[in-house]
Amino acid sequence: MALVESTNPNDSVTEVDGIKFAVDKGQATYFENSKLDFVKSVFGFGEYKLV
């Protein structure tokens, strides 16, 4: 997962609550029915995880 400023022509773009997600069409099947969640770590920092 990374933050990018532009998409590639072979990306599938989905917008949820005003946030756009770009996934390579060849990789999209791996992300079907996935959920992105914000989780606090033991050190108090937060991170995003696919669940």
PDB file of N, CA and C in Angstrom:
ATOM      1  N   MET A   1       0.847  -1.154   0.000  1.00  0.00           N
ATOM      2  CA  MET A   1       0.000   0.000   0.000  1.00  0.00           C
ATOM      3  C   MET A   1       0.902   1.229   0.000  1.00  0.00           C
ATOM      4  N   ALA A   2       0.515   2.231  -0.784  1.00  0.00           N
ATOM      5  CA  ALA A   2       1.303   3.454  -0.877  1.00  0.00           C
ATOM      6  C   ALA A   2       0.405   4.617  -1.269  1.00  0.00           C
ATOM      7  N   LEU A   3       0.838   5.798  -0.939  1.00  0.00           N
ATOM      8  CA  LEU A   3       0.153   7.010  -1.384  1.00  0.00           C
ATOM      9  C   LEU A   3       0.763   7.428  -2.713  1.00  0.00           C
ATOM     10  N   VAL A   4      -0.083   7.692  -3.690  1.00  0.00           N
ATOM     11  CA  VAL A   4       0.399   8.101  -5.007  1.00  0.00           C
ATOM     12  C   VAL A   4      -0.363   9.334  -5.468  1.00  0.00           C
ATOM     13  N   GLU A   5       0.256  10.095  -6.347  1.00  0.00           N
ATOM     14  CA  GLU A   5      -0.383  11.307  -6.855  1.00  0.00           C
ATOM     15  C   GLU A   5      -1.169  11.058  -8.130  1.00  0.00           C
ATOM     16  N   SER A   6      -0.840   9.990  -8.851  1.00  0.00           N
ATOM     17  CA  SER A   6      -1.544   9.702 -10.100  1.00  0.00           C
ATOM     18  C   SER A   6      -1.735   8.197 -10.242  1.00  0.00           C
ATOM     19  N   THR A   7      -2.630   7.829 -11.117  1.00  0.00           N
ATOM     20  CA  THR A   7      -2.912   6.412 -11.345  1.00  0.00           C
ATOM     21  C   THR A   7      -2.353   5.974 -12.688  1.00  0.00           C
ATOM     22  N   ASN A   8      -2.253   4.684 -12.849  1.00  0.00           N
ATOM     23  CA  ASN A   8      -1.838   4.094 -14.112  1.00  0.00           C
ATOM     24  C   ASN A   8      -3.083   3.733 -14.919  1.00  0.00           C
ATOM     25  N   PRO A   9      -2.958   3.616 -16.237  1.00  0.00           N
ATOM     26  CA  PRO A   9      -4.126   3.271 -17.061  1.00  0.00           C
ATOM     27  C   PRO A   9      -4.749   1.922 -16.701  1.00  0.00           C
ATOM     28  N   ASN A  10      -3.968   1.015 -16.133  1.00  0.00           N
ATOM     29  CA  ASN A  10      -4.509  -0.312 -15.808  1.00  0.00           C
ATOM     30  C   ASN A  10      -4.978  -0.410 -14.359  1.00  0.00           C
ATOM     31  N   ASP A  11      -5.165   0.732 -13.667  1.00  0.00           N
ATOM     32  CA  ASP A  11      -5.660   0.745 -12.300  1.00  0.00           C
ATOM     33  C   ASP A  11      -7.179   0.797 -12.267  1.00  0.00           C
ATOM     34  N   SER A  12      -7.746   0.139 -11.290  1.00  0.00           N
ATOM     35  CA  SER A  12      -9.167   0.227 -11.005  1.00  0.00           C
ATOM     36  C   SER A  12      -9.313   1.200  -9.834  1.00  0.00           C
ATOM     37  N   VAL A  13     -10.086   2.268 -10.012  1.00  0.00           N
ATOM     38  CA  VAL A  13     -10.216   3.304  -8.980  1.00  0.00           C
ATOM     39  C   VAL A  13     -11.602   3.232  -8.351  1.00  0.00           C
ATOM     40  N   THR A  14     -11.631   3.195  -7.017  1.00  0.00           N
ATOM     41  CA  THR A  14     -12.874   3.165  -6.255  1.00  0.00           C
ATOM     42  C   THR A  14     -12.826   4.287  -5.240  1.00  0.00           C
ATOM     43  N   GLU A  15     -13.945   4.984  -5.058  1.00  0.00           N
ATOM     44  CA  GLU A  15     -14.005   6.070  -4.083  1.00  0.00           C
ATOM     45  C   GLU A  15     -14.969   5.705  -2.963  1.00  0.00           C
ATOM     46  N   VAL A  16     -14.487   5.839  -1.722  1.00  0.00           N
ATOM     47  CA  VAL A  16     -15.296   5.544  -0.544  1.00  0.00           C
ATOM     48  C   VAL A  16     -15.169   6.726   0.408  1.00  0.00           C
ATOM     49  N   ASP A  17     -16.285   7.359   0.743  1.00  0.00           N
ATOM     50  CA  ASP A  17     -16.309   8.503   1.657  1.00  0.00           C
ATOM     51  C   ASP A  17     -15.314   9.586   1.253  1.00  0.00           C
ATOM     52  N   GLY A  18     -15.188   9.838  -0.044  1.00  0.00           N
ATOM     53  CA  GLY A  18     -14.315  10.898  -0.540  1.00  0.00           C
ATOM     54  C   GLY A  18     -12.858  10.513  -0.677  1.00  0.00           C
ATOM     55  N   ILE A  19     -12.502   9.277  -0.346  1.00  0.00           N
ATOM     56  CA  ILE A  19     -11.125   8.807  -0.472  1.00  0.00           C
ATOM     57  C   ILE A  19     -11.052   7.857  -1.654  1.00  0.00           C
ATOM     58  N   LYS A  20     -10.121   8.116  -2.566  1.00  0.00           N
ATOM     59  CA  LYS A  20      -9.978   7.284  -3.752  1.00  0.00           C
ATOM     60  C   LYS A  20      -8.920   6.204  -3.520  1.00  0.00           C
ATOM     61  N   PHE A  21      -9.254   4.981  -3.910  1.00  0.00           N
ATOM     62  CA  PHE A  21      -8.353   3.849  -3.810  1.00  0.00           C
ATOM     63  C   PHE A  21      -8.078   3.334  -5.212  1.00  0.00           C
ATOM     64  N   ALA A  22      -6.811   3.169  -5.535  1.00  0.00           N
ATOM     65  CA  ALA A  22      -6.414   2.655  -6.846  1.00  0.00           C
ATOM     66  C   ALA A  22      -5.749   1.300  -6.653  1.00  0.00           C
ATOM     67  N   VAL A  23      -6.240   0.313  -7.396  1.00  0.00           N
ATOM     68  CA  VAL A  23      -5.694  -1.042  -7.324  1.00  0.00           C
ATOM     69  C   VAL A  23      -5.427  -1.503  -8.748  1.00  0.00           C
ATOM     70  N   ASP A  24      -4.266  -2.075  -8.950  1.00  0.00           N
ATOM     71  CA  ASP A  24      -3.936  -2.640 -10.254  1.00  0.00           C
ATOM     72  C   ASP A  24      -4.976  -3.705 -10.595  1.00  0.00           C
ATOM     73  N   LYS A  25      -5.510  -3.656 -11.810  1.00  0.00           N
ATOM     74  CA  LYS A  25      -6.569  -4.597 -12.199  1.00  0.00           C
ATOM     75  C   LYS A  25      -6.136  -6.046 -12.059  1.00  0.00           C
ATOM     76  N   GLY A  26      -4.861  -6.332 -12.279  1.00  0.00           N
ATOM     77  CA  GLY A  26      -4.357  -7.696 -12.135  1.00  0.00           C
ATOM     78  C   GLY A  26      -4.313  -8.161 -10.686  1.00  0.00           C
ATOM     79  N   GLN A  27      -4.274  -7.223  -9.752  1.00  0.00           N
ATOM     80  CA  GLN A  27      -4.209  -7.545  -8.324  1.00  0.00           C
ATOM     81  C   GLN A  27      -5.565  -7.404  -7.620  1.00  0.00           C
ATOM     82  N   ALA A  28      -6.555  -6.885  -8.316  1.00  0.00           N
ATOM     83  CA  ALA A  28      -7.847  -6.561  -7.701  1.00  0.00           C
ATOM     84  C   ALA A  28      -8.525  -7.765  -7.060  1.00  0.00           C
ATOM     85  N   THR A  29      -8.365  -8.941  -7.616  1.00  0.00           N
ATOM     86  CA  THR A  29      -9.032 -10.119  -7.043  1.00  0.00           C
ATOM     87  C   THR A  29      -8.518 -10.436  -5.639  1.00  0.00           C
ATOM     88  N   TYR A  30      -7.283 -10.045  -5.334  1.00  0.00           N
ATOM     89  CA  TYR A  30      -6.737 -10.292  -3.996  1.00  0.00           C
ATOM     90  C   TYR A  30      -7.350  -9.379  -2.945  1.00  0.00           C
ATOM     91  N   PHE A  31      -7.975  -8.275  -3.366  1.00  0.00           N
ATOM     92  CA  PHE A  31      -8.536  -7.309  -2.439  1.00  0.00           C
ATOM     93  C   PHE A  31     -10.058  -7.357  -2.362  1.00  0.00           C
ATOM     94  N   GLU A  32     -10.693  -8.241  -3.102  1.00  0.00           N
ATOM     95  CA  GLU A  32     -12.151  -8.348  -3.047  1.00  0.00           C
ATOM     96  C   GLU A  32     -12.581  -8.738  -1.636  1.00  0.00           C
ATOM     97  N   ASN A  33     -13.625  -8.096  -1.155  1.00  0.00           N
ATOM     98  CA  ASN A  33     -14.199  -8.336   0.172  1.00  0.00           C
ATOM     99  C   ASN A  33     -13.206  -8.075   1.297  1.00  0.00           C
ATOM    100  N   SER A  34     -12.218  -7.204   1.069  1.00  0.00           N
ATOM    101  CA  SER A  34     -11.264  -6.831   2.106  1.00  0.00           C
ATOM    102  C   SER A  34     -11.733  -5.558   2.790  1.00  0.00           C
ATOM    103  N   LYS A  35     -11.239  -5.343   4.000  1.00  0.00           N
ATOM    104  CA  LYS A  35     -11.583  -4.163   4.770  1.00  0.00           C
ATOM    105  C   LYS A  35     -10.290  -3.517   5.242  1.00  0.00           C
ATOM    106  N   LEU A  36     -10.180  -2.208   5.078  1.00  0.00           N
ATOM    107  CA  LEU A  36      -9.039  -1.448   5.553  1.00  0.00           C
ATOM    108  C   LEU A  36      -9.399  -0.871   6.907  1.00  0.00           C
ATOM    109  N   ASP A  37      -8.589  -1.169   7.931  1.00  0.00           N
ATOM    110  CA  ASP A  37      -8.914  -0.753   9.287  1.00  0.00           C
ATOM    111  C   ASP A  37      -7.724  -0.025   9.904  1.00  0.00           C
ATOM    112  N   PHE A  38      -7.993   0.985  10.729  1.00  0.00           N
ATOM    113  CA  PHE A  38      -6.967   1.726  11.450  1.00  0.00           C
ATOM    114  C   PHE A  38      -6.816   1.092  12.819  1.00  0.00           C
ATOM    115  N   VAL A  39      -5.592   0.663  13.149  1.00  0.00           N
ATOM    116  CA  VAL A  39      -5.334  -0.063  14.392  1.00  0.00           C
ATOM    117  C   VAL A  39      -4.197   0.621  15.140  1.00  0.00           C
ATOM    118  N   LYS A  40      -4.372   0.847  16.441  1.00  0.00           N
ATOM    119  CA  LYS A  40      -3.292   1.408  17.247  1.00  0.00           C
ATOM    120  C   LYS A  40      -2.316   0.295  17.618  1.00  0.00           C
ATOM    121  N   SER A  41      -1.042   0.605  17.519  1.00  0.00           N
ATOM    122  CA  SER A  41      -0.025  -0.375  17.877  1.00  0.00           C
ATOM    123  C   SER A  41       0.260  -0.303  19.377  1.00  0.00           C
ATOM    124  N   VAL A  42       1.078  -1.209  19.878  1.00  0.00           N
ATOM    125  CA  VAL A  42       1.413  -1.231  21.301  1.00  0.00           C
ATOM    126  C   VAL A  42       2.217   0.004  21.695  1.00  0.00           C
ATOM    127  N   PHE A  43       2.812   0.694  20.718  1.00  0.00           N
ATOM    128  CA  PHE A  43       3.587   1.883  21.004  1.00  0.00           C
ATOM    129  C   PHE A  43       2.739   3.159  20.921  1.00  0.00           C
ATOM    130  N   GLY A  44       1.456   3.019  20.682  1.00  0.00           N
ATOM    131  CA  GLY A  44       0.557   4.162  20.634  1.00  0.00           C
ATOM    132  C   GLY A  44       0.382   4.768  19.260  1.00  0.00           C
ATOM    133  N   PHE A  45       1.139   4.284  18.291  1.00  0.00           N
ATOM    134  CA  PHE A  45       1.008   4.782  16.920  1.00  0.00           C
ATOM    135  C   PHE A  45      -0.080   4.022  16.196  1.00  0.00           C
ATOM    136  N   GLY A  46      -0.607   4.612  15.169  1.00  0.00           N
ATOM    137  CA  GLY A  46      -1.643   3.939  14.398  1.00  0.00           C
ATOM    138  C   GLY A  46      -1.101   3.463  13.069  1.00  0.00           C
ATOM    139  N   GLU A  47      -1.726   2.451  12.556  1.00  0.00           N
ATOM    140  CA  GLU A  47      -1.367   1.932  11.237  1.00  0.00           C
ATOM    141  C   GLU A  47      -2.607   1.346  10.586  1.00  0.00           C
ATOM    142  N   TYR A  48      -2.554   1.264   9.271  1.00  0.00           N
ATOM    143  CA  TYR A  48      -3.673   0.684   8.534  1.00  0.00           C
ATOM    144  C   TYR A  48      -3.352  -0.754   8.195  1.00  0.00           C
ATOM    145  N   LYS A  49      -4.338  -1.628   8.363  1.00  0.00           N
ATOM    146  CA  LYS A  49      -4.169  -3.039   8.056  1.00  0.00           C
ATOM    147  C   LYS A  49      -5.359  -3.524   7.244  1.00  0.00           C
ATOM    148  N   LEU A  50      -5.091  -4.444   6.348  1.00  0.00           N
ATOM    149  CA  LEU A  50      -6.178  -5.109   5.643  1.00  0.00           C
ATOM    150  C   LEU A  50      -6.663  -6.259   6.498  1.00  0.00           C
ATOM    151  N   VAL A  51      -7.965  -6.297   6.718  1.00  0.00           N
ATOM    152  CA  VAL A  51      -8.546  -7.387   7.505  1.00  0.00           C
ATOM    153  C   VAL A  51      -9.615  -8.083   6.723  1.00  0.00           C
TER     154      VAL A  51
END
